[in-house]
Amino acid sequence: MFKRSFHSKDRASKAVKPSKRSFSDRQKLKLQQDLDSPPVGKSLTSPIITLVVGREPRIFAAHEDVLSLSPFFTAALKGQFYESSAKRVALPDDDPQIFSCILEYLYKGDYYPRLLFNKRHASFELEDAQDLQNLGGRGSVESTVDIPGAGGALLKDTVVYCAAERYGLDELKRLALRKQGLQSAITVDVILRSARFAYENTPDSDSKLRAHYLALIIRSRKTFKRSGTMQMEMEIGGSKFFDLFVAMCNHVDDIVDIGNNRSPKTI
């Protein structure tokens, strides 16, 4: 569950104004090395597994050793999803376009659009991103996907994150969250729909993606408070709005703390 705590270390609002040292040069170098070193090597000799994905099935093929990098598939290859005689795994509830991203990550260490390190600016950016607003590497590129039953477009990286949670791929979760933070010009309805999807498809103990959305709403509060979509979402309700209330309280507490440090007062 999102940590409903007023301890400073648990506050989602801390993401609103990140420290300039929050992503050090050493961390940047490590992430770049990880991206340059995909999960699998060049030698692939294990059996080929056929994967039947989606309600309107699409067929994928992958090496057993590659799939076994995921605890989910390690279990699936031994369980009810696996037809041993045909070396086939059926995944009717998975989305083919997101599963394609998962396979691309397992083979290459990333998925399109890739996360690239710009040495000139010493920062990360998305492959083919259109930086129309000159936001220093941020831009919008293939940011959304349409998932059946979702009611509209969702942020692609959120859906990949939720899939990575299911497949037990923690590094992919971190990558998806990092990449989503580089997308820009996302509409209110897409953000709220994606936040709802994140809450429905991650366990309560996984707070990172949820905290990302709470901090995003707080940062853009002037836009959200004028949004009719936000009003409708709040009327529908859900646990994310109590989490948002706690995060807003934390944000106010931080402002008060800063003010009290300058001239003691309370609110």
C-alpha atoms as a PDB file:
ATOM      1  CA  MET A   1       0.000   0.000   0.000  1.00  0.00           C
ATOM      2  CA  PHE A   2       1.160   3.551  -0.615  1.00  0.00           C
ATOM      3  CA  LYS A   3       2.786   4.583   2.637  1.00  0.00           C
ATOM      4  CA  ARG A   4       0.260   6.812   4.363  1.00  0.00           C
ATOM      5  CA  SER A   5       2.836   8.292   6.646  1.00  0.00           C
ATOM      6  CA  PHE A   6       3.814  11.783   7.571  1.00  0.00           C
ATOM      7  CA  HIS A   7       7.480  10.890   7.973  1.00  0.00           C
ATOM      8  CA  SER A   8       9.498  12.943   5.540  1.00  0.00           C
ATOM      9  CA  LYS A   9      11.225   9.947   3.972  1.00  0.00           C
ATOM     10  CA  ASP A  10       7.860   8.493   2.888  1.00  0.00           C
ATOM     11  CA  ARG A  11       6.381  11.599   1.347  1.00  0.00           C
ATOM     12  CA  ALA A  12       5.345  11.389  -2.278  1.00  0.00           C
ATOM     13  CA  SER A  13       5.642  15.157  -2.465  1.00  0.00           C
ATOM     14  CA  LYS A  14       9.404  14.904  -2.210  1.00  0.00           C
ATOM     15  CA  ALA A  15       9.357  14.056  -5.892  1.00  0.00           C
ATOM     16  CA  VAL A  16       7.917  17.488  -6.632  1.00  0.00           C
ATOM     17  CA  LYS A  17      11.256  19.237  -6.146  1.00  0.00           C
ATOM     18  CA  PRO A  18      13.976  16.646  -6.596  1.00  0.00           C
ATOM     19  CA  SER A  19      17.418  17.368  -5.279  1.00  0.00           C
ATOM     20  CA  LYS A  20      20.015  18.309  -7.848  1.00  0.00           C
ATOM     21  CA  ARG A  21      22.017  15.352  -6.575  1.00  0.00           C
ATOM     22  CA  SER A  22      19.122  12.908  -6.733  1.00  0.00           C
ATOM     23  CA  PHE A  23      20.566  11.292  -9.860  1.00  0.00           C
ATOM     24  CA  SER A  24      24.361  11.349  -9.512  1.00  0.00           C
ATOM     25  CA  ASP A  25      26.917  10.941 -12.284  1.00  0.00           C
ATOM     26  CA  ARG A  26      27.750   7.507 -10.905  1.00  0.00           C
ATOM     27  CA  GLN A  27      24.083   6.464 -11.077  1.00  0.00           C
ATOM     28  CA  LYS A  28      23.825   7.784 -14.626  1.00  0.00           C
ATOM     29  CA  LEU A  29      26.891   5.796 -15.635  1.00  0.00           C
ATOM     30  CA  LYS A  30      25.537   2.624 -14.035  1.00  0.00           C
ATOM     31  CA  LEU A  31      22.172   2.999 -15.774  1.00  0.00           C
ATOM     32  CA  GLN A  32      23.905   3.561 -19.109  1.00  0.00           C
ATOM     33  CA  GLN A  33      26.051   0.462 -18.547  1.00  0.00           C
ATOM     34  CA  ASP A  34      22.910  -1.534 -17.766  1.00  0.00           C
ATOM     35  CA  LEU A  35      21.296  -0.343 -20.986  1.00  0.00           C
ATOM     36  CA  ASP A  36      24.424  -1.260 -22.952  1.00  0.00           C
ATOM     37  CA  SER A  37      24.394  -4.756 -21.435  1.00  0.00           C
ATOM     38  CA  PRO A  38      21.132  -6.543 -22.348  1.00  0.00           C
ATOM     39  CA  PRO A  39      19.894  -9.352 -20.088  1.00  0.00           C
ATOM     40  CA  VAL A  40      20.959 -12.069 -22.541  1.00  0.00           C
ATOM     41  CA  GLY A  41      24.251 -12.816 -24.224  1.00  0.00           C
ATOM     42  CA  LYS A  42      24.942 -13.463 -27.898  1.00  0.00           C
ATOM     43  CA  SER A  43      24.840 -17.240 -27.649  1.00  0.00           C
ATOM     44  CA  LEU A  44      21.299 -18.585 -27.622  1.00  0.00           C
ATOM     45  CA  THR A  45      20.953 -22.329 -28.010  1.00  0.00           C
ATOM     46  CA  SER A  46      17.975 -23.175 -25.783  1.00  0.00           C
ATOM     47  CA  PRO A  47      14.665 -24.457 -27.239  1.00  0.00           C
ATOM     48  CA  ILE A  48      12.261 -22.046 -28.907  1.00  0.00           C
ATOM     49  CA  ILE A  49       8.988 -21.520 -27.048  1.00  0.00           C
ATOM     50  CA  THR A  50       5.825 -20.422 -28.873  1.00  0.00           C
ATOM     51  CA  LEU A  51       3.707 -17.869 -27.016  1.00  0.00           C
ATOM     52  CA  VAL A  52       0.059 -17.278 -27.892  1.00  0.00           C
ATOM     53  CA  VAL A  53      -0.854 -13.857 -26.555  1.00  0.00           C
ATOM     54  CA  GLY A  54      -4.163 -12.021 -26.279  1.00  0.00           C
ATOM     55  CA  ARG A  55      -7.874 -12.624 -26.832  1.00  0.00           C
ATOM     56  CA  GLU A  56      -7.320 -12.157 -30.549  1.00  0.00           C
ATOM     57  CA  PRO A  57      -4.166 -14.239 -30.486  1.00  0.00           C
ATOM     58  CA  ARG A  58      -0.826 -13.109 -31.790  1.00  0.00           C
ATOM     59  CA  ILE A  59       2.001 -15.601 -32.007  1.00  0.00           C
ATOM     60  CA  PHE A  60       5.453 -14.834 -30.545  1.00  0.00           C
ATOM     61  CA  ALA A  61       8.551 -17.016 -30.284  1.00  0.00           C
ATOM     62  CA  ALA A  62      11.365 -16.751 -27.749  1.00  0.00           C
ATOM     63  CA  HIS A  63      14.230 -18.800 -26.394  1.00  0.00           C
ATOM     64  CA  GLU A  64      13.495 -20.685 -23.205  1.00  0.00           C
ATOM     65  CA  ASP A  65      16.633 -19.277 -21.536  1.00  0.00           C
ATOM     66  CA  VAL A  66      15.471 -15.740 -22.290  1.00  0.00           C
ATOM     67  CA  LEU A  67      11.992 -16.300 -20.905  1.00  0.00           C
ATOM     68  CA  SER A  68      13.488 -17.899 -17.797  1.00  0.00           C
ATOM     69  CA  LEU A  69      14.966 -14.532 -16.819  1.00  0.00           C
ATOM     70  CA  SER A  70      11.426 -13.863 -15.579  1.00  0.00           C
ATOM     71  CA  PRO A  71      10.223 -15.768 -12.490  1.00  0.00           C
ATOM     72  CA  PHE A  72       6.736 -15.735 -14.000  1.00  0.00           C
ATOM     73  CA  PHE A  73       7.856 -17.599 -17.114  1.00  0.00           C
ATOM     74  CA  THR A  74      10.090 -19.938 -15.153  1.00  0.00           C
ATOM     75  CA  ALA A  75       6.939 -21.046 -13.328  1.00  0.00           C
ATOM     76  CA  ALA A  76       4.749 -20.903 -16.453  1.00  0.00           C
ATOM     77  CA  LEU A  77       7.044 -23.286 -18.335  1.00  0.00           C
ATOM     78  CA  LYS A  78       6.409 -25.839 -15.610  1.00  0.00           C
ATOM     79  CA  GLY A  79       2.756 -25.101 -14.928  1.00  0.00           C
ATOM     80  CA  GLN A  80      -0.703 -24.983 -16.399  1.00  0.00           C
ATOM     81  CA  PHE A  81       0.104 -22.376 -19.058  1.00  0.00           C
ATOM     82  CA  TYR A  82       2.574 -24.706 -20.777  1.00  0.00           C
ATOM     83  CA  GLU A  83       1.775 -27.333 -23.402  1.00  0.00           C
ATOM     84  CA  SER A  84       4.991 -29.368 -23.164  1.00  0.00           C
ATOM     85  CA  SER A  85       4.435 -31.443 -26.298  1.00  0.00           C
ATOM     86  CA  ALA A  86       4.132 -28.339 -28.488  1.00  0.00           C
ATOM     87  CA  LYS A  87       6.454 -26.105 -26.402  1.00  0.00           C
ATOM     88  CA  ARG A  88       3.667 -23.548 -26.288  1.00  0.00           C
ATOM     89  CA  VAL A  89       2.582 -21.053 -23.622  1.00  0.00           C
ATOM     90  CA  ALA A  90      -0.916 -19.532 -23.730  1.00  0.00           C
ATOM     91  CA  LEU A  91      -1.338 -16.014 -22.321  1.00  0.00           C
ATOM     92  CA  PRO A  92      -4.914 -15.031 -23.244  1.00  0.00           C
ATOM     93  CA  ASP A  93      -5.144 -12.174 -20.729  1.00  0.00           C
ATOM     94  CA  ASP A  94      -1.951 -10.410 -21.843  1.00  0.00           C
ATOM     95  CA  ASP A  95      -1.834  -7.593 -24.389  1.00  0.00           C
ATOM     96  CA  PRO A  96       0.268  -8.360 -27.488  1.00  0.00           C
ATOM     97  CA  GLN A  97       1.702  -4.867 -27.940  1.00  0.00           C
ATOM     98  CA  ILE A  98       2.882  -4.741 -24.315  1.00  0.00           C
ATOM     99  CA  PHE A  99       4.172  -8.303 -24.491  1.00  0.00           C
ATOM    100  CA  SER A 100       6.232  -7.238 -27.490  1.00  0.00           C
ATOM    101  CA  CYS A 101       7.875  -4.607 -25.259  1.00  0.00           C
ATOM    102  CA  ILE A 102       8.608  -7.270 -22.642  1.00  0.00           C
ATOM    103  CA  LEU A 103      10.345  -9.527 -25.170  1.00  0.00           C
ATOM    104  CA  GLU A 104      12.284  -6.610 -26.603  1.00  0.00           C
ATOM    105  CA  TYR A 105      13.522  -5.772 -23.106  1.00  0.00           C
ATOM    106  CA  LEU A 106      14.494  -9.388 -22.358  1.00  0.00           C
ATOM    107  CA  TYR A 107      16.567  -9.589 -25.532  1.00  0.00           C
ATOM    108  CA  LYS A 108      17.951  -6.044 -25.773  1.00  0.00           C
ATOM    109  CA  GLY A 109      17.729  -4.517 -22.302  1.00  0.00           C
ATOM    110  CA  ASP A 110      15.239  -1.820 -23.368  1.00  0.00           C
ATOM    111  CA  TYR A 111      12.104  -1.276 -25.445  1.00  0.00           C
ATOM    112  CA  TYR A 112      11.087   1.429 -27.908  1.00  0.00           C
ATOM    113  CA  PRO A 113      11.519   4.313 -27.442  1.00  0.00           C
ATOM    114  CA  ARG A 114      14.900   3.510 -25.913  1.00  0.00           C
ATOM    115  CA  LEU A 115      16.421   5.496 -23.074  1.00  0.00           C
ATOM    116  CA  LEU A 116      19.529   7.212 -24.438  1.00  0.00           C
ATOM    117  CA  PHE A 117      22.287   9.076 -22.599  1.00  0.00           C
ATOM    118  CA  ASN A 118      23.178  12.445 -24.105  1.00  0.00           C
ATOM    119  CA  LYS A 119      26.839  12.954 -23.247  1.00  0.00           C
ATOM    120  CA  ARG A 120      26.782  16.569 -24.367  1.00  0.00           C
ATOM    121  CA  HIS A 121      24.052  17.487 -21.871  1.00  0.00           C
ATOM    122  CA  ALA A 122      24.933  14.739 -19.355  1.00  0.00           C
ATOM    123  CA  SER A 123      21.273  13.704 -19.214  1.00  0.00           C
ATOM    124  CA  PHE A 124      18.945  10.981 -20.432  1.00  0.00           C
ATOM    125  CA  GLU A 125      16.458  11.395 -23.246  1.00  0.00           C
ATOM    126  CA  LEU A 126      14.036   9.245 -25.203  1.00  0.00           C
ATOM    127  CA  GLU A 127      14.869   7.966 -28.663  1.00  0.00           C
ATOM    128  CA  ASP A 128      13.150  10.018 -31.388  1.00  0.00           C
ATOM    129  CA  ALA A 129      11.618  12.371 -28.789  1.00  0.00           C
ATOM    130  CA  GLN A 130      10.218  15.586 -30.198  1.00  0.00           C
ATOM    131  CA  ASP A 131      11.524  18.272 -27.838  1.00  0.00           C
ATOM    132  CA  LEU A 132       9.221  20.940 -29.245  1.00  0.00           C
ATOM    133  CA  GLN A 133       9.108  22.934 -26.005  1.00  0.00           C
ATOM    134  CA  ASN A 134      12.880  22.816 -25.464  1.00  0.00           C
ATOM    135  CA  LEU A 135      12.562  20.902 -22.201  1.00  0.00           C
ATOM    136  CA  GLY A 136      16.083  19.519 -22.264  1.00  0.00           C
ATOM    137  CA  GLY A 137      15.581  16.004 -23.573  1.00  0.00           C
ATOM    138  CA  ARG A 138      11.947  15.657 -22.598  1.00  0.00           C
ATOM    139  CA  GLY A 139       9.449  15.088 -25.330  1.00  0.00           C
ATOM    140  CA  SER A 140       6.543  12.990 -26.417  1.00  0.00           C
ATOM    141  CA  VAL A 141       7.181   9.836 -28.441  1.00  0.00           C
ATOM    142  CA  GLU A 142       4.816   6.865 -28.641  1.00  0.00           C
ATOM    143  CA  SER A 143       3.677   7.744 -25.126  1.00  0.00           C
ATOM    144  CA  THR A 144       0.285   5.991 -25.094  1.00  0.00           C
ATOM    145  CA  VAL A 145      -1.267   2.643 -25.981  1.00  0.00           C
ATOM    146  CA  ASP A 146      -4.863   1.475 -26.342  1.00  0.00           C
ATOM    147  CA  ILE A 147      -5.667  -1.486 -24.123  1.00  0.00           C
ATOM    148  CA  PRO A 148      -9.058  -3.218 -24.556  1.00  0.00           C
ATOM    149  CA  GLY A 149     -11.404  -2.408 -21.692  1.00  0.00           C
ATOM    150  CA  ALA A 150      -9.358   0.533 -20.397  1.00  0.00           C
ATOM    151  CA  GLY A 151     -11.805   3.132 -21.717  1.00  0.00           C
ATOM    152  CA  GLY A 152      -9.186   5.050 -23.674  1.00  0.00           C
ATOM    153  CA  ALA A 153      -5.485   5.612 -24.123  1.00  0.00           C
ATOM    154  CA  LEU A 154      -3.065   4.741 -21.303  1.00  0.00           C
ATOM    155  CA  LEU A 155       0.519   5.764 -20.744  1.00  0.00           C
ATOM    156  CA  LYS A 156       2.583   3.010 -22.318  1.00  0.00           C
ATOM    157  CA  ASP A 157       5.261   3.006 -19.618  1.00  0.00           C
ATOM    158  CA  THR A 158       2.650   2.555 -16.897  1.00  0.00           C
ATOM    159  CA  VAL A 159       1.258  -0.530 -18.641  1.00  0.00           C
ATOM    160  CA  VAL A 160       4.793  -1.876 -19.141  1.00  0.00           C
ATOM    161  CA  TYR A 161       5.500  -1.241 -15.442  1.00  0.00           C
ATOM    162  CA  CYS A 162       2.402  -3.203 -14.426  1.00  0.00           C
ATOM    163  CA  ALA A 163       3.362  -6.052 -16.768  1.00  0.00           C
ATOM    164  CA  ALA A 164       6.880  -6.049 -15.317  1.00  0.00           C
ATOM    165  CA  GLU A 165       5.340  -6.321 -11.848  1.00  0.00           C
ATOM    166  CA  ARG A 166       3.440  -9.415 -12.967  1.00  0.00           C
ATOM    167  CA  TYR A 167       6.478 -10.955 -14.649  1.00  0.00           C
ATOM    168  CA  GLY A 168       8.808 -10.235 -11.716  1.00  0.00           C
ATOM    169  CA  LEU A 169      11.134  -7.917 -13.660  1.00  0.00           C
ATOM    170  CA  ASP A 170      12.176  -5.271 -11.140  1.00  0.00           C
ATOM    171  CA  GLU A 171      14.816  -3.668 -13.382  1.00  0.00           C
ATOM    172  CA  LEU A 172      12.203  -3.199 -16.097  1.00  0.00           C
ATOM    173  CA  LYS A 173       9.922  -1.506 -13.570  1.00  0.00           C
ATOM    174  CA  ARG A 174      12.671   0.989 -12.750  1.00  0.00           C
ATOM    175  CA  LEU A 175      13.357   1.573 -16.436  1.00  0.00           C
ATOM    176  CA  ALA A 176       9.675   2.137 -17.274  1.00  0.00           C
ATOM    177  CA  LEU A 177       9.274   4.619 -14.424  1.00  0.00           C
ATOM    178  CA  ARG A 178      12.375   6.513 -15.494  1.00  0.00           C
ATOM    179  CA  LYS A 179      11.173   6.701 -19.087  1.00  0.00           C
ATOM    180  CA  GLN A 180       7.676   7.826 -18.154  1.00  0.00           C
ATOM    181  CA  GLY A 181       9.208  10.752 -16.282  1.00  0.00           C
ATOM    182  CA  LEU A 182      10.684  11.985 -19.576  1.00  0.00           C
ATOM    183  CA  GLN A 183       7.372  12.101 -21.443  1.00  0.00           C
ATOM    184  CA  SER A 184       5.637  15.466 -21.708  1.00  0.00           C
ATOM    185  CA  ALA A 185       2.445  17.101 -22.990  1.00  0.00           C
ATOM    186  CA  ILE A 186       0.208  14.339 -21.582  1.00  0.00           C
ATOM    187  CA  THR A 187      -3.472  15.254 -21.211  1.00  0.00           C
ATOM    188  CA  VAL A 188      -5.337  15.168 -17.894  1.00  0.00           C
ATOM    189  CA  ASP A 189      -7.683  12.365 -18.921  1.00  0.00           C
ATOM    190  CA  VAL A 190      -4.773  10.111 -19.953  1.00  0.00           C
ATOM    191  CA  ILE A 191      -2.956  10.781 -16.664  1.00  0.00           C
ATOM    192  CA  LEU A 192      -6.013  10.012 -14.532  1.00  0.00           C
ATOM    193  CA  ARG A 193      -6.973   6.940 -16.534  1.00  0.00           C
ATOM    194  CA  SER A 194      -3.405   5.665 -16.285  1.00  0.00           C
ATOM    195  CA  ALA A 195      -3.304   6.361 -12.549  1.00  0.00           C
ATOM    196  CA  ARG A 196      -6.470   4.310 -12.112  1.00  0.00           C
ATOM    197  CA  PHE A 197      -4.914   1.497 -14.155  1.00  0.00           C
ATOM    198  CA  ALA A 198      -1.767   1.647 -12.001  1.00  0.00           C
ATOM    199  CA  TYR A 199      -3.781   1.324  -8.792  1.00  0.00           C
ATOM    200  CA  GLU A 200      -5.776  -1.585 -10.184  1.00  0.00           C
ATOM    201  CA  ASN A 201      -2.742  -3.502 -11.454  1.00  0.00           C
ATOM    202  CA  THR A 202      -0.095  -3.075  -8.764  1.00  0.00           C
ATOM    203  CA  PRO A 203      -0.122  -4.408  -5.187  1.00  0.00           C
ATOM    204  CA  ASP A 204      -0.666  -1.982  -2.316  1.00  0.00           C
ATOM    205  CA  SER A 205       2.927  -2.623  -1.240  1.00  0.00           C
ATOM    206  CA  ASP A 206       4.289  -1.186  -4.499  1.00  0.00           C
ATOM    207  CA  SER A 207       4.190   2.564  -3.939  1.00  0.00           C
ATOM    208  CA  LYS A 208       6.692   3.901  -6.493  1.00  0.00           C
ATOM    209  CA  LEU A 209       4.410   4.185  -9.519  1.00  0.00           C
ATOM    210  CA  ARG A 210       1.537   5.443  -7.368  1.00  0.00           C
ATOM    211  CA  ALA A 211       3.775   8.078  -5.771  1.00  0.00           C
ATOM    212  CA  HIS A 212       4.818   9.190  -9.252  1.00  0.00           C
ATOM    213  CA  TYR A 213       1.202   9.974 -10.142  1.00  0.00           C
ATOM    214  CA  LEU A 214       0.469  11.700  -6.831  1.00  0.00           C
ATOM    215  CA  ALA A 215       3.517  13.933  -7.226  1.00  0.00           C
ATOM    216  CA  LEU A 216       2.548  14.668 -10.836  1.00  0.00           C
ATOM    217  CA  ILE A 217      -0.951  15.781  -9.816  1.00  0.00           C
ATOM    218  CA  ILE A 218       0.441  17.978  -7.036  1.00  0.00           C
ATOM    219  CA  ARG A 219       2.957  19.569  -9.405  1.00  0.00           C
ATOM    220  CA  SER A 220       0.217  20.290 -11.949  1.00  0.00           C
ATOM    221  CA  ARG A 221      -2.484  21.131  -9.388  1.00  0.00           C
ATOM    222  CA  LYS A 222      -3.514  24.368 -11.134  1.00  0.00           C
ATOM    223  CA  THR A 223      -4.420  22.374 -14.220  1.00  0.00           C
ATOM    224  CA  PHE A 224      -6.086  19.504 -12.355  1.00  0.00           C
ATOM    225  CA  LYS A 225      -8.256  21.688 -10.119  1.00  0.00           C
ATOM    226  CA  ARG A 226      -9.848  23.223 -13.227  1.00  0.00           C
ATOM    227  CA  SER A 227     -10.401  19.838 -14.856  1.00  0.00           C
ATOM    228  CA  GLY A 228     -13.900  18.432 -15.186  1.00  0.00           C
ATOM    229  CA  THR A 229     -12.306  15.012 -15.695  1.00  0.00           C
ATOM    230  CA  MET A 230     -10.597  15.319 -12.308  1.00  0.00           C
ATOM    231  CA  GLN A 231     -13.909  16.242 -10.697  1.00  0.00           C
ATOM    232  CA  MET A 232     -15.631  13.195 -12.185  1.00  0.00           C
ATOM    233  CA  GLU A 233     -12.787  10.913 -11.080  1.00  0.00           C
ATOM    234  CA  MET A 234     -13.021  12.247  -7.528  1.00  0.00           C
ATOM    235  CA  GLU A 235     -16.781  11.714  -7.475  1.00  0.00           C
ATOM    236  CA  ILE A 236     -16.231   8.100  -8.545  1.00  0.00           C
ATOM    237  CA  GLY A 237     -13.694   7.788  -5.734  1.00  0.00           C
ATOM    238  CA  GLY A 238     -11.026   5.235  -5.003  1.00  0.00           C
ATOM    239  CA  SER A 239      -8.090   4.783  -2.648  1.00  0.00           C
ATOM    240  CA  LYS A 240      -5.840   6.973  -4.769  1.00  0.00           C
ATOM    241  CA  PHE A 241      -7.679  10.068  -3.588  1.00  0.00           C
ATOM    242  CA  PHE A 242      -6.975   9.366   0.081  1.00  0.00           C
ATOM    243  CA  ASP A 243      -3.347   8.831  -0.907  1.00  0.00           C
ATOM    244  CA  LEU A 244      -3.504  12.138  -2.770  1.00  0.00           C
ATOM    245  CA  PHE A 245      -4.907  13.845   0.337  1.00  0.00           C
ATOM    246  CA  VAL A 246      -2.010  12.486   2.429  1.00  0.00           C
ATOM    247  CA  ALA A 247       0.519  13.557  -0.191  1.00  0.00           C
ATOM    248  CA  MET A 248      -0.995  17.062  -0.292  1.00  0.00           C
ATOM    249  CA  CYS A 249      -0.773  17.250   3.518  1.00  0.00           C
ATOM    250  CA  ASN A 250       2.880  16.243   3.289  1.00  0.00           C
ATOM    251  CA  HIS A 251       3.445  18.918   0.676  1.00  0.00           C
ATOM    252  CA  VAL A 252       1.852  21.580   2.883  1.00  0.00           C
ATOM    253  CA  ASP A 253       3.905  20.370   5.868  1.00  0.00           C
ATOM    254  CA  ASP A 254       7.083  20.741   3.836  1.00  0.00           C
ATOM    255  CA  ILE A 255       6.176  24.319   2.927  1.00  0.00           C
ATOM    256  CA  VAL A 256       5.417  25.100   6.570  1.00  0.00           C
ATOM    257  CA  ASP A 257       8.712  23.552   7.682  1.00  0.00           C
ATOM    258  CA  ILE A 258      10.630  25.702   5.222  1.00  0.00           C
ATOM    259  CA  GLY A 259       8.779  28.803   6.424  1.00  0.00           C
ATOM    260  CA  ASN A 260       9.332  27.949  10.094  1.00  0.00           C
ATOM    261  CA  ASN A 261      13.029  27.537   9.496  1.00  0.00           C
ATOM    262  CA  ARG A 262      13.135  31.115   8.224  1.00  0.00           C
ATOM    263  CA  SER A 263      10.789  32.674  10.758  1.00  0.00           C
ATOM    264  CA  PRO A 264       9.029  30.410  13.318  1.00  0.00           C
ATOM    265  CA  LYS A 265       5.290  30.201  12.716  1.00  0.00           C
ATOM    266  CA  THR A 266       2.567  27.611  12.332  1.00  0.00           C
ATOM    267  CA  ILE A 267      -0.349  27.064   9.999  1.00  0.00           C
END
